[in-house]
């Protein structure tokens, strides 16, 4: 039997917690990249998934920017009544914990698409392995063209929460790599 349950519906999580501001009050470029990726993902789901009519979008961020993001999503074709805004979550771990609380009680939780900057992938993986058991989650990373020092400063605020499941998986992957290197030497 599969370790995952059958999914019913889709949840797009657009992670837009950010520190930077623009001069003119518009969305920063790296947040706009995430919005574009969310629209692309939403359109793909709408065209290809049989349960596309059960799709929800959740924006995670501060109230002001989240309303701008919602406006951009609506302008891109997302129905406003399926968009929710989470202004309470402050980092990836807290966001995923809240999502888990919402969907874990459902008999068939939705398939979750998590959209954030590519540099959040390590944090996402460490958190998902330890906290999202039996939930189908896919990470989509948007490009982030900021200077390295800005990304590193923001990345420090979102340090990965590594539980024992994360380390078990790392050890298992290392063991598999070692066996494969013995069987198929270069």
N, C-alpha and C. Protein backbone atom coordinates (compact mmCIF):
# COMPACT_ATOMS: atom_id res chain seq x y z
N UNK A 1 0.84 -1.18 0.00
CA UNK A 1 0.00 0.00 0.00
C UNK A 1 0.88 1.24 0.00
N UNK A 2 0.46 2.25 -0.67
CA UNK A 2 1.22 3.49 -0.77
C UNK A 2 1.25 4.20 0.57
N UNK A 3 2.34 4.96 0.80
CA UNK A 3 2.42 5.71 2.05
C UNK A 3 1.53 6.95 2.02
N UNK A 4 1.03 7.32 0.84
CA UNK A 4 0.17 8.48 0.71
C UNK A 4 -1.27 8.07 0.51
N UNK A 5 -2.17 8.88 1.02
CA UNK A 5 -3.59 8.65 0.81
C UNK A 5 -4.02 9.31 -0.50
N UNK A 6 -5.16 8.88 -1.01
CA UNK A 6 -5.75 9.50 -2.19
C UNK A 6 -6.03 10.97 -1.90
N UNK A 7 -5.69 11.85 -2.82
CA UNK A 7 -5.92 13.27 -2.61
C UNK A 7 -7.24 13.69 -3.22
N UNK A 8 -7.88 14.66 -2.62
CA UNK A 8 -9.14 15.20 -3.11
C UNK A 8 -9.03 16.71 -3.10
N UNK A 9 -8.76 17.27 -4.25
CA UNK A 9 -8.61 18.71 -4.36
C UNK A 9 -7.15 19.13 -4.38
N UNK A 10 -6.94 20.42 -4.52
CA UNK A 10 -5.60 20.99 -4.63
C UNK A 10 -5.52 22.25 -3.79
N UNK A 11 -4.37 22.47 -3.19
CA UNK A 11 -4.12 23.68 -2.42
C UNK A 11 -2.81 24.28 -2.89
N UNK A 12 -2.89 25.48 -3.46
CA UNK A 12 -1.69 26.22 -3.85
C UNK A 12 -1.34 27.16 -2.71
N UNK A 13 -0.15 27.04 -2.20
CA UNK A 13 0.31 27.92 -1.13
C UNK A 13 1.38 28.83 -1.73
N UNK A 14 1.07 30.12 -1.80
CA UNK A 14 2.02 31.09 -2.32
C UNK A 14 2.69 31.76 -1.12
N UNK A 15 3.92 31.38 -0.86
CA UNK A 15 4.66 31.90 0.30
C UNK A 15 5.27 33.25 -0.08
N UNK A 16 4.73 34.31 0.51
CA UNK A 16 5.15 35.67 0.16
C UNK A 16 5.64 36.47 1.36
N UNK A 17 6.13 35.79 2.38
CA UNK A 17 6.72 36.49 3.52
C UNK A 17 8.06 37.04 3.04
N UNK A 18 8.21 38.36 3.16
CA UNK A 18 9.45 38.99 2.69
C UNK A 18 9.73 40.25 3.49
N UNK A 19 10.98 40.68 3.45
CA UNK A 19 11.41 41.86 4.21
C UNK A 19 11.58 43.10 3.33
N UNK A 20 11.92 42.89 2.07
CA UNK A 20 12.24 44.01 1.18
C UNK A 20 11.03 44.83 0.77
N UNK A 21 11.26 46.07 0.49
CA UNK A 21 10.22 47.00 0.02
C UNK A 21 10.71 47.65 -1.27
N UNK A 22 9.76 48.06 -2.10
CA UNK A 22 10.12 48.80 -3.31
C UNK A 22 9.84 50.28 -3.09
N UNK A 23 10.46 51.10 -3.91
CA UNK A 23 10.31 52.55 -3.78
C UNK A 23 8.88 52.99 -4.08
N UNK A 24 8.27 52.40 -5.10
CA UNK A 24 6.95 52.85 -5.53
C UNK A 24 5.79 52.10 -4.86
N UNK A 25 6.08 51.19 -3.94
CA UNK A 25 5.02 50.48 -3.22
C UNK A 25 4.49 49.25 -3.95
N UNK A 26 5.06 48.92 -5.10
CA UNK A 26 4.61 47.73 -5.82
C UNK A 26 5.28 46.48 -5.24
N UNK A 27 4.93 45.34 -5.76
CA UNK A 27 5.52 44.09 -5.30
C UNK A 27 6.97 43.99 -5.78
N UNK A 28 7.88 43.51 -4.93
CA UNK A 28 9.26 43.29 -5.39
C UNK A 28 9.30 42.26 -6.52
N UNK A 29 10.34 42.31 -7.34
CA UNK A 29 10.45 41.41 -8.48
C UNK A 29 10.41 39.94 -8.08
N UNK A 30 11.09 39.59 -6.98
CA UNK A 30 11.14 38.19 -6.58
C UNK A 30 9.77 37.69 -6.11
N UNK A 31 8.94 38.57 -5.57
CA UNK A 31 7.57 38.18 -5.20
C UNK A 31 6.72 38.07 -6.47
N UNK A 32 6.94 38.96 -7.42
CA UNK A 32 6.22 38.89 -8.69
C UNK A 32 6.55 37.59 -9.43
N UNK A 33 7.79 37.11 -9.31
CA UNK A 33 8.16 35.82 -9.91
C UNK A 33 7.33 34.68 -9.30
N UNK A 34 7.12 34.75 -7.99
CA UNK A 34 6.32 33.73 -7.31
C UNK A 34 4.86 33.80 -7.77
N UNK A 35 4.35 35.01 -7.96
CA UNK A 35 2.97 35.19 -8.44
C UNK A 35 2.84 34.59 -9.85
N UNK A 36 3.82 34.85 -10.71
CA UNK A 36 3.79 34.31 -12.07
C UNK A 36 3.81 32.78 -12.05
N UNK A 37 4.65 32.21 -11.18
CA UNK A 37 4.72 30.75 -11.06
C UNK A 37 3.41 30.19 -10.52
N UNK A 38 2.80 30.90 -9.57
CA UNK A 38 1.50 30.46 -9.03
C UNK A 38 0.43 30.47 -10.11
N UNK A 39 0.41 31.51 -10.94
CA UNK A 39 -0.57 31.56 -12.03
C UNK A 39 -0.34 30.43 -13.03
N UNK A 40 0.91 30.17 -13.35
CA UNK A 40 1.24 29.09 -14.27
C UNK A 40 0.80 27.74 -13.69
N UNK A 41 1.08 27.52 -12.42
CA UNK A 41 0.69 26.28 -11.76
C UNK A 41 -0.83 26.15 -11.70
N UNK A 42 -1.51 27.23 -11.35
CA UNK A 42 -2.98 27.21 -11.28
C UNK A 42 -3.58 26.86 -12.64
N UNK A 43 -3.07 27.47 -13.69
CA UNK A 43 -3.58 27.20 -15.04
C UNK A 43 -3.33 25.75 -15.45
N UNK A 44 -2.17 25.20 -15.07
CA UNK A 44 -1.88 23.80 -15.38
C UNK A 44 -2.85 22.88 -14.65
N UNK A 45 -3.11 23.17 -13.37
CA UNK A 45 -4.05 22.36 -12.59
C UNK A 45 -5.45 22.45 -13.20
N UNK A 46 -5.86 23.66 -13.56
CA UNK A 46 -7.21 23.87 -14.10
C UNK A 46 -7.41 23.09 -15.40
N UNK A 47 -6.34 22.92 -16.17
CA UNK A 47 -6.46 22.24 -17.46
C UNK A 47 -6.26 20.73 -17.36
N UNK A 48 -5.54 20.26 -16.33
CA UNK A 48 -5.14 18.86 -16.36
C UNK A 48 -5.66 17.99 -15.22
N UNK A 49 -6.09 18.56 -14.12
CA UNK A 49 -6.52 17.75 -12.99
C UNK A 49 -8.03 17.56 -13.00
N UNK A 50 -8.51 16.33 -12.79
CA UNK A 50 -9.96 16.12 -12.77
C UNK A 50 -10.64 16.78 -11.57
N UNK A 51 -9.88 17.03 -10.51
CA UNK A 51 -10.44 17.69 -9.33
C UNK A 51 -10.08 19.18 -9.29
N UNK A 52 -9.88 19.78 -10.45
CA UNK A 52 -9.47 21.19 -10.51
C UNK A 52 -10.53 22.13 -9.95
N UNK A 53 -11.79 21.71 -9.96
CA UNK A 53 -12.85 22.55 -9.41
C UNK A 53 -12.78 22.64 -7.88
N UNK A 54 -11.92 21.81 -7.26
CA UNK A 54 -11.74 21.83 -5.81
C UNK A 54 -10.38 22.44 -5.45
N UNK A 55 -9.98 23.44 -6.18
CA UNK A 55 -8.68 24.08 -5.96
C UNK A 55 -8.85 25.33 -5.12
N UNK A 56 -7.95 25.48 -4.14
CA UNK A 56 -7.90 26.68 -3.29
C UNK A 56 -6.50 27.28 -3.40
N UNK A 57 -6.41 28.59 -3.20
CA UNK A 57 -5.13 29.28 -3.21
C UNK A 57 -4.99 29.98 -1.86
N UNK A 58 -3.84 29.79 -1.22
CA UNK A 58 -3.58 30.46 0.05
C UNK A 58 -2.31 31.31 -0.09
N UNK A 59 -2.45 32.58 0.22
CA UNK A 59 -1.33 33.51 0.18
C UNK A 59 -0.84 33.68 1.61
N UNK A 60 0.46 33.48 1.83
CA UNK A 60 1.04 33.64 3.16
C UNK A 60 1.93 34.89 3.12
N UNK A 61 1.57 35.89 3.91
CA UNK A 61 2.34 37.12 3.93
C UNK A 61 1.66 38.20 4.74
N UNK A 62 2.24 39.38 4.75
CA UNK A 62 1.67 40.52 5.46
C UNK A 62 0.41 41.00 4.73
N UNK A 63 -0.52 41.66 5.45
CA UNK A 63 -1.80 42.04 4.86
C UNK A 63 -1.70 42.92 3.60
N UNK A 64 -0.90 43.97 3.63
CA UNK A 64 -0.81 44.87 2.47
C UNK A 64 -0.32 44.19 1.21
N UNK A 65 0.88 43.59 1.24
CA UNK A 65 1.37 42.88 0.05
C UNK A 65 0.46 41.72 -0.37
N UNK A 66 -0.15 41.05 0.60
CA UNK A 66 -1.02 39.91 0.26
C UNK A 66 -2.23 40.37 -0.55
N UNK A 67 -2.76 41.53 -0.22
CA UNK A 67 -3.89 42.07 -1.00
C UNK A 67 -3.45 42.41 -2.42
N UNK A 68 -2.24 42.93 -2.59
CA UNK A 68 -1.71 43.21 -3.93
C UNK A 68 -1.52 41.91 -4.71
N UNK A 69 -1.03 40.89 -4.03
CA UNK A 69 -0.83 39.58 -4.66
C UNK A 69 -2.18 39.00 -5.07
N UNK A 70 -3.17 39.12 -4.20
CA UNK A 70 -4.51 38.63 -4.52
C UNK A 70 -5.04 39.34 -5.76
N UNK A 71 -4.84 40.66 -5.84
CA UNK A 71 -5.27 41.41 -7.02
C UNK A 71 -4.59 40.92 -8.28
N UNK A 72 -3.28 40.62 -8.18
CA UNK A 72 -2.54 40.12 -9.35
C UNK A 72 -3.04 38.73 -9.76
N UNK A 73 -3.37 37.89 -8.79
CA UNK A 73 -3.88 36.56 -9.10
C UNK A 73 -5.26 36.64 -9.75
N UNK A 74 -6.12 37.52 -9.23
CA UNK A 74 -7.45 37.69 -9.81
C UNK A 74 -7.33 38.22 -11.23
N UNK A 75 -6.44 39.16 -11.43
CA UNK A 75 -6.20 39.71 -12.77
C UNK A 75 -5.69 38.63 -13.72
N UNK A 76 -4.96 37.64 -13.17
CA UNK A 76 -4.43 36.54 -13.97
C UNK A 76 -5.41 35.42 -14.22
N UNK A 77 -6.63 35.50 -13.65
CA UNK A 77 -7.65 34.51 -13.95
C UNK A 77 -8.09 33.63 -12.79
N UNK A 78 -7.55 33.85 -11.60
CA UNK A 78 -7.96 33.06 -10.44
C UNK A 78 -9.22 33.69 -9.85
N UNK A 79 -10.20 32.86 -9.53
CA UNK A 79 -11.45 33.37 -8.95
C UNK A 79 -11.19 33.90 -7.55
N UNK A 80 -11.68 35.09 -7.21
CA UNK A 80 -11.39 35.67 -5.89
C UNK A 80 -11.96 34.88 -4.72
N UNK A 81 -13.03 34.12 -4.95
CA UNK A 81 -13.64 33.39 -3.84
C UNK A 81 -12.86 32.14 -3.42
N UNK A 82 -11.83 31.74 -4.18
CA UNK A 82 -11.03 30.57 -3.79
C UNK A 82 -9.69 30.99 -3.19
N UNK A 83 -9.49 32.28 -3.00
CA UNK A 83 -8.22 32.79 -2.45
C UNK A 83 -8.39 33.12 -0.98
N UNK A 84 -7.50 32.60 -0.16
CA UNK A 84 -7.46 32.90 1.27
C UNK A 84 -6.11 33.53 1.59
N UNK A 85 -6.07 34.36 2.62
CA UNK A 85 -4.84 35.03 3.03
C UNK A 85 -4.51 34.64 4.46
N UNK A 86 -3.28 34.18 4.67
CA UNK A 86 -2.78 33.83 6.00
C UNK A 86 -1.76 34.89 6.40
N UNK A 87 -2.11 35.74 7.34
CA UNK A 87 -1.19 36.78 7.79
C UNK A 87 -0.53 36.42 9.12
N UNK A 88 -0.86 35.26 9.68
CA UNK A 88 -0.31 34.86 10.97
C UNK A 88 1.02 34.12 10.86
N UNK A 89 1.22 33.33 9.82
CA UNK A 89 2.44 32.55 9.67
C UNK A 89 3.62 33.46 9.37
N UNK A 90 4.74 33.21 10.06
CA UNK A 90 5.91 34.08 9.93
C UNK A 90 7.10 33.42 9.26
N UNK A 91 7.07 32.07 9.10
CA UNK A 91 8.15 31.38 8.41
C UNK A 91 7.62 30.09 7.79
N UNK A 92 8.48 29.37 7.09
CA UNK A 92 8.06 28.16 6.37
C UNK A 92 7.57 27.09 7.35
N UNK A 93 8.30 26.88 8.43
CA UNK A 93 7.91 25.84 9.39
C UNK A 93 6.54 26.12 9.99
N UNK A 94 6.30 27.35 10.38
CA UNK A 94 5.01 27.71 10.96
C UNK A 94 3.90 27.56 9.92
N UNK A 95 4.16 27.95 8.69
CA UNK A 95 3.18 27.82 7.61
C UNK A 95 2.81 26.36 7.39
N UNK A 96 3.82 25.49 7.29
CA UNK A 96 3.55 24.07 7.05
C UNK A 96 2.86 23.41 8.24
N UNK A 97 3.19 23.84 9.45
CA UNK A 97 2.49 23.31 10.62
C UNK A 97 1.01 23.68 10.59
N UNK A 98 0.71 24.92 10.23
CA UNK A 98 -0.69 25.36 10.15
C UNK A 98 -1.45 24.62 9.05
N UNK A 99 -0.79 24.41 7.92
CA UNK A 99 -1.42 23.67 6.82
C UNK A 99 -1.70 22.24 7.25
N UNK A 100 -0.73 21.64 7.93
CA UNK A 100 -0.91 20.26 8.40
C UNK A 100 -2.10 20.16 9.34
N UNK A 101 -2.23 21.12 10.25
CA UNK A 101 -3.37 21.13 11.16
C UNK A 101 -4.69 21.20 10.39
N UNK A 102 -4.71 21.98 9.30
CA UNK A 102 -5.94 22.15 8.52
C UNK A 102 -6.30 20.89 7.75
N UNK A 103 -5.32 20.25 7.11
CA UNK A 103 -5.64 19.18 6.17
C UNK A 103 -5.49 17.77 6.72
N UNK A 104 -4.77 17.58 7.82
CA UNK A 104 -4.50 16.23 8.31
C UNK A 104 -5.76 15.51 8.79
N UNK A 105 -6.75 16.25 9.21
CA UNK A 105 -7.98 15.64 9.73
C UNK A 105 -8.92 15.20 8.62
N UNK A 106 -8.65 15.63 7.39
CA UNK A 106 -9.51 15.25 6.27
C UNK A 106 -9.21 13.82 5.85
N UNK A 107 -10.24 13.07 5.44
CA UNK A 107 -9.99 11.68 5.02
C UNK A 107 -9.12 11.61 3.76
N UNK A 108 -9.28 12.56 2.87
CA UNK A 108 -8.47 12.64 1.65
C UNK A 108 -7.95 14.07 1.50
N UNK A 109 -6.83 14.37 2.15
CA UNK A 109 -6.34 15.75 2.11
C UNK A 109 -5.95 16.17 0.70
N UNK A 110 -5.99 17.46 0.42
CA UNK A 110 -5.66 17.93 -0.93
C UNK A 110 -4.17 17.76 -1.25
N UNK A 111 -3.87 17.77 -2.53
CA UNK A 111 -2.48 17.80 -2.98
C UNK A 111 -2.02 19.24 -2.80
N UNK A 112 -0.88 19.44 -2.16
CA UNK A 112 -0.41 20.78 -1.84
C UNK A 112 0.76 21.16 -2.74
N UNK A 113 0.63 22.31 -3.38
CA UNK A 113 1.69 22.89 -4.19
C UNK A 113 2.22 24.08 -3.41
N UNK A 114 3.48 24.03 -3.01
CA UNK A 114 4.09 25.09 -2.20
C UNK A 114 4.99 25.90 -3.11
N UNK A 115 4.67 27.20 -3.27
CA UNK A 115 5.41 28.06 -4.19
C UNK A 115 6.18 29.10 -3.39
N UNK A 116 7.51 29.11 -3.55
CA UNK A 116 8.38 30.03 -2.85
C UNK A 116 9.63 30.25 -3.69
N UNK A 117 10.59 31.00 -3.17
CA UNK A 117 11.86 31.18 -3.87
C UNK A 117 12.67 29.89 -3.84
N UNK A 118 13.50 29.69 -4.85
CA UNK A 118 14.28 28.46 -4.96
C UNK A 118 15.18 28.24 -3.74
N UNK A 119 15.66 29.29 -3.13
CA UNK A 119 16.59 29.13 -2.00
C UNK A 119 15.89 28.61 -0.74
N UNK A 120 14.57 28.55 -0.73
CA UNK A 120 13.83 28.00 0.42
C UNK A 120 13.63 26.49 0.33
N UNK A 121 14.16 25.87 -0.71
CA UNK A 121 13.93 24.44 -0.92
C UNK A 121 14.50 23.59 0.21
N UNK A 122 15.69 23.89 0.69
CA UNK A 122 16.29 23.11 1.78
C UNK A 122 15.45 23.23 3.06
N UNK A 123 15.03 24.43 3.38
CA UNK A 123 14.18 24.65 4.55
C UNK A 123 12.87 23.89 4.40
N UNK A 124 12.29 23.97 3.22
CA UNK A 124 11.04 23.26 2.93
C UNK A 124 11.21 21.76 3.12
N UNK A 125 12.25 21.18 2.52
CA UNK A 125 12.47 19.74 2.62
C UNK A 125 12.64 19.29 4.07
N UNK A 126 13.45 20.02 4.82
CA UNK A 126 13.69 19.64 6.21
C UNK A 126 12.39 19.67 7.02
N UNK A 127 11.55 20.64 6.75
CA UNK A 127 10.31 20.79 7.49
C UNK A 127 9.26 19.77 7.04
N UNK A 128 9.14 19.55 5.75
CA UNK A 128 8.13 18.63 5.22
C UNK A 128 8.40 17.20 5.69
N UNK A 129 9.65 16.79 5.66
CA UNK A 129 9.99 15.42 6.04
C UNK A 129 9.57 15.15 7.48
N UNK A 130 9.77 16.15 8.35
CA UNK A 130 9.48 15.91 9.76
C UNK A 130 8.03 16.21 10.15
N UNK A 131 7.32 17.04 9.39
CA UNK A 131 6.00 17.44 9.88
C UNK A 131 4.82 17.09 8.97
N UNK A 132 5.02 16.77 7.73
CA UNK A 132 3.89 16.55 6.81
C UNK A 132 3.76 15.07 6.43
N UNK A 133 3.66 14.22 7.41
CA UNK A 133 3.56 12.78 7.16
C UNK A 133 2.24 12.45 6.44
N UNK A 134 2.35 11.63 5.40
CA UNK A 134 1.21 11.14 4.63
C UNK A 134 0.43 12.22 3.90
N UNK A 135 1.04 13.36 3.68
CA UNK A 135 0.41 14.44 2.92
C UNK A 135 1.25 14.65 1.66
N UNK A 136 0.59 14.74 0.52
CA UNK A 136 1.29 14.95 -0.75
C UNK A 136 1.59 16.44 -0.91
N UNK A 137 2.88 16.77 -0.97
CA UNK A 137 3.32 18.15 -1.08
C UNK A 137 4.38 18.24 -2.15
N UNK A 138 4.26 19.25 -3.01
CA UNK A 138 5.24 19.48 -4.07
C UNK A 138 5.76 20.91 -3.95
N UNK A 139 7.07 21.09 -4.03
CA UNK A 139 7.68 22.41 -3.95
C UNK A 139 7.95 22.93 -5.36
N UNK A 140 7.60 24.19 -5.59
CA UNK A 140 7.94 24.87 -6.83
C UNK A 140 8.72 26.12 -6.48
N UNK A 141 9.94 26.21 -6.98
CA UNK A 141 10.80 27.34 -6.66
C UNK A 141 10.81 28.38 -7.77
N UNK A 142 10.53 29.62 -7.39
CA UNK A 142 10.57 30.73 -8.34
C UNK A 142 11.96 31.37 -8.30
N UNK A 143 12.36 31.94 -9.40
CA UNK A 143 13.67 32.60 -9.46
C UNK A 143 13.71 33.79 -8.53
N UNK A 144 14.89 34.06 -8.01
CA UNK A 144 15.10 35.17 -7.08
C UNK A 144 16.40 35.85 -7.49
N UNK A 145 16.30 37.03 -8.06
CA UNK A 145 17.46 37.72 -8.62
C UNK A 145 18.10 38.72 -7.66
N UNK A 146 17.82 38.61 -6.39
CA UNK A 146 18.41 39.53 -5.42
C UNK A 146 19.89 39.21 -5.21
N UNK A 147 20.63 40.18 -4.70
CA UNK A 147 22.04 39.91 -4.35
C UNK A 147 22.13 38.84 -3.26
N UNK A 148 23.25 38.14 -3.24
CA UNK A 148 23.43 37.03 -2.31
C UNK A 148 23.30 37.47 -0.86
N UNK A 149 23.84 38.62 -0.50
CA UNK A 149 23.78 39.05 0.90
C UNK A 149 22.34 39.29 1.38
N UNK A 150 21.46 39.76 0.49
CA UNK A 150 20.05 39.93 0.86
C UNK A 150 19.36 38.59 1.07
N UNK A 151 19.64 37.65 0.17
CA UNK A 151 19.05 36.32 0.28
C UNK A 151 19.55 35.62 1.55
N UNK A 152 20.85 35.72 1.82
CA UNK A 152 21.41 35.08 3.02
C UNK A 152 20.82 35.66 4.30
N UNK A 153 20.61 36.99 4.32
CA UNK A 153 20.02 37.62 5.50
C UNK A 153 18.59 37.13 5.73
N UNK A 154 17.82 37.00 4.66
CA UNK A 154 16.44 36.51 4.78
C UNK A 154 16.41 35.01 5.07
N UNK A 155 17.38 34.29 4.50
CA UNK A 155 17.46 32.85 4.72
C UNK A 155 17.75 32.53 6.19
N UNK A 156 18.53 33.37 6.85
CA UNK A 156 18.86 33.15 8.26
C UNK A 156 17.61 33.22 9.14
N UNK A 157 16.62 34.00 8.72
CA UNK A 157 15.37 34.10 9.48
C UNK A 157 14.51 32.86 9.33
N UNK A 158 14.78 32.06 8.29
CA UNK A 158 13.99 30.87 7.98
C UNK A 158 14.84 29.61 8.09
N UNK A 159 15.63 29.48 9.14
CA UNK A 159 16.50 28.32 9.31
C UNK A 159 15.67 27.04 9.34
N UNK A 160 16.15 25.99 8.67
CA UNK A 160 15.36 24.75 8.60
C UNK A 160 15.22 24.07 9.96
N UNK A 161 14.05 23.50 10.15
CA UNK A 161 13.75 22.71 11.35
C UNK A 161 13.96 21.26 10.97
N UNK A 162 15.09 20.69 11.41
CA UNK A 162 15.44 19.33 11.01
C UNK A 162 15.12 18.36 12.14
N UNK A 163 14.15 17.50 11.87
CA UNK A 163 13.76 16.49 12.85
C UNK A 163 14.45 15.17 12.56
N UNK A 164 14.11 14.14 13.32
CA UNK A 164 14.78 12.85 13.15
C UNK A 164 14.47 12.22 11.80
N UNK A 165 13.28 12.49 11.24
CA UNK A 165 12.93 11.95 9.92
C UNK A 165 13.86 12.49 8.85
N UNK A 166 14.26 13.75 8.97
CA UNK A 166 15.18 14.36 8.01
C UNK A 166 16.51 13.62 8.03
N UNK A 167 17.03 13.36 9.23
CA UNK A 167 18.32 12.69 9.34
C UNK A 167 18.23 11.22 8.94
N UNK A 168 17.11 10.56 9.20
CA UNK A 168 16.91 9.19 8.74
C UNK A 168 16.97 9.13 7.21
N UNK A 169 16.29 10.07 6.57
CA UNK A 169 16.28 10.09 5.11
C UNK A 169 17.67 10.38 4.56
N UNK A 170 18.42 11.28 5.19
CA UNK A 170 19.79 11.59 4.76
C UNK A 170 20.67 10.35 4.85
N UNK A 171 20.56 9.60 5.95
CA UNK A 171 21.36 8.39 6.12
C UNK A 171 20.97 7.34 5.09
N UNK A 172 19.67 7.18 4.86
CA UNK A 172 19.19 6.21 3.87
C UNK A 172 19.70 6.58 2.48
N UNK A 173 19.61 7.84 2.11
CA UNK A 173 20.10 8.28 0.80
C UNK A 173 21.59 8.05 0.66
N UNK A 174 22.35 8.30 1.71
CA UNK A 174 23.79 8.09 1.69
C UNK A 174 24.10 6.60 1.51
N UNK A 175 23.36 5.73 2.20
CA UNK A 175 23.56 4.29 2.08
C UNK A 175 23.24 3.81 0.67
N UNK A 176 22.16 4.30 0.10
CA UNK A 176 21.79 3.92 -1.27
C UNK A 176 22.86 4.39 -2.25
N UNK A 177 23.36 5.60 -2.08
CA UNK A 177 24.43 6.11 -2.95
C UNK A 177 25.68 5.24 -2.85
N UNK A 178 26.04 4.83 -1.65
CA UNK A 178 27.21 4.00 -1.45
C UNK A 178 27.05 2.65 -2.14
N UNK A 179 25.90 2.01 -1.98
CA UNK A 179 25.62 0.72 -2.62
C UNK A 179 25.64 0.87 -4.13
N UNK A 180 25.03 1.90 -4.65
CA UNK A 180 25.01 2.11 -6.11
C UNK A 180 26.42 2.38 -6.65
N UNK A 181 27.24 3.08 -5.88
CA UNK A 181 28.62 3.33 -6.31
C UNK A 181 29.44 2.05 -6.33
N UNK A 182 29.13 1.11 -5.42
CA UNK A 182 29.83 -0.18 -5.41
C UNK A 182 29.37 -1.03 -6.59
N UNK A 183 28.06 -1.04 -6.85
CA UNK A 183 27.51 -1.85 -7.94
C UNK A 183 27.88 -1.28 -9.30
N UNK A 184 27.78 0.02 -9.45
CA UNK A 184 28.06 0.68 -10.73
C UNK A 184 29.20 1.69 -10.57
N UNK A 185 30.44 1.21 -10.50
CA UNK A 185 31.56 2.15 -10.36
C UNK A 185 31.74 2.96 -11.65
N UNK A 186 32.30 4.14 -11.51
CA UNK A 186 32.50 5.01 -12.68
C UNK A 186 33.54 4.50 -13.61
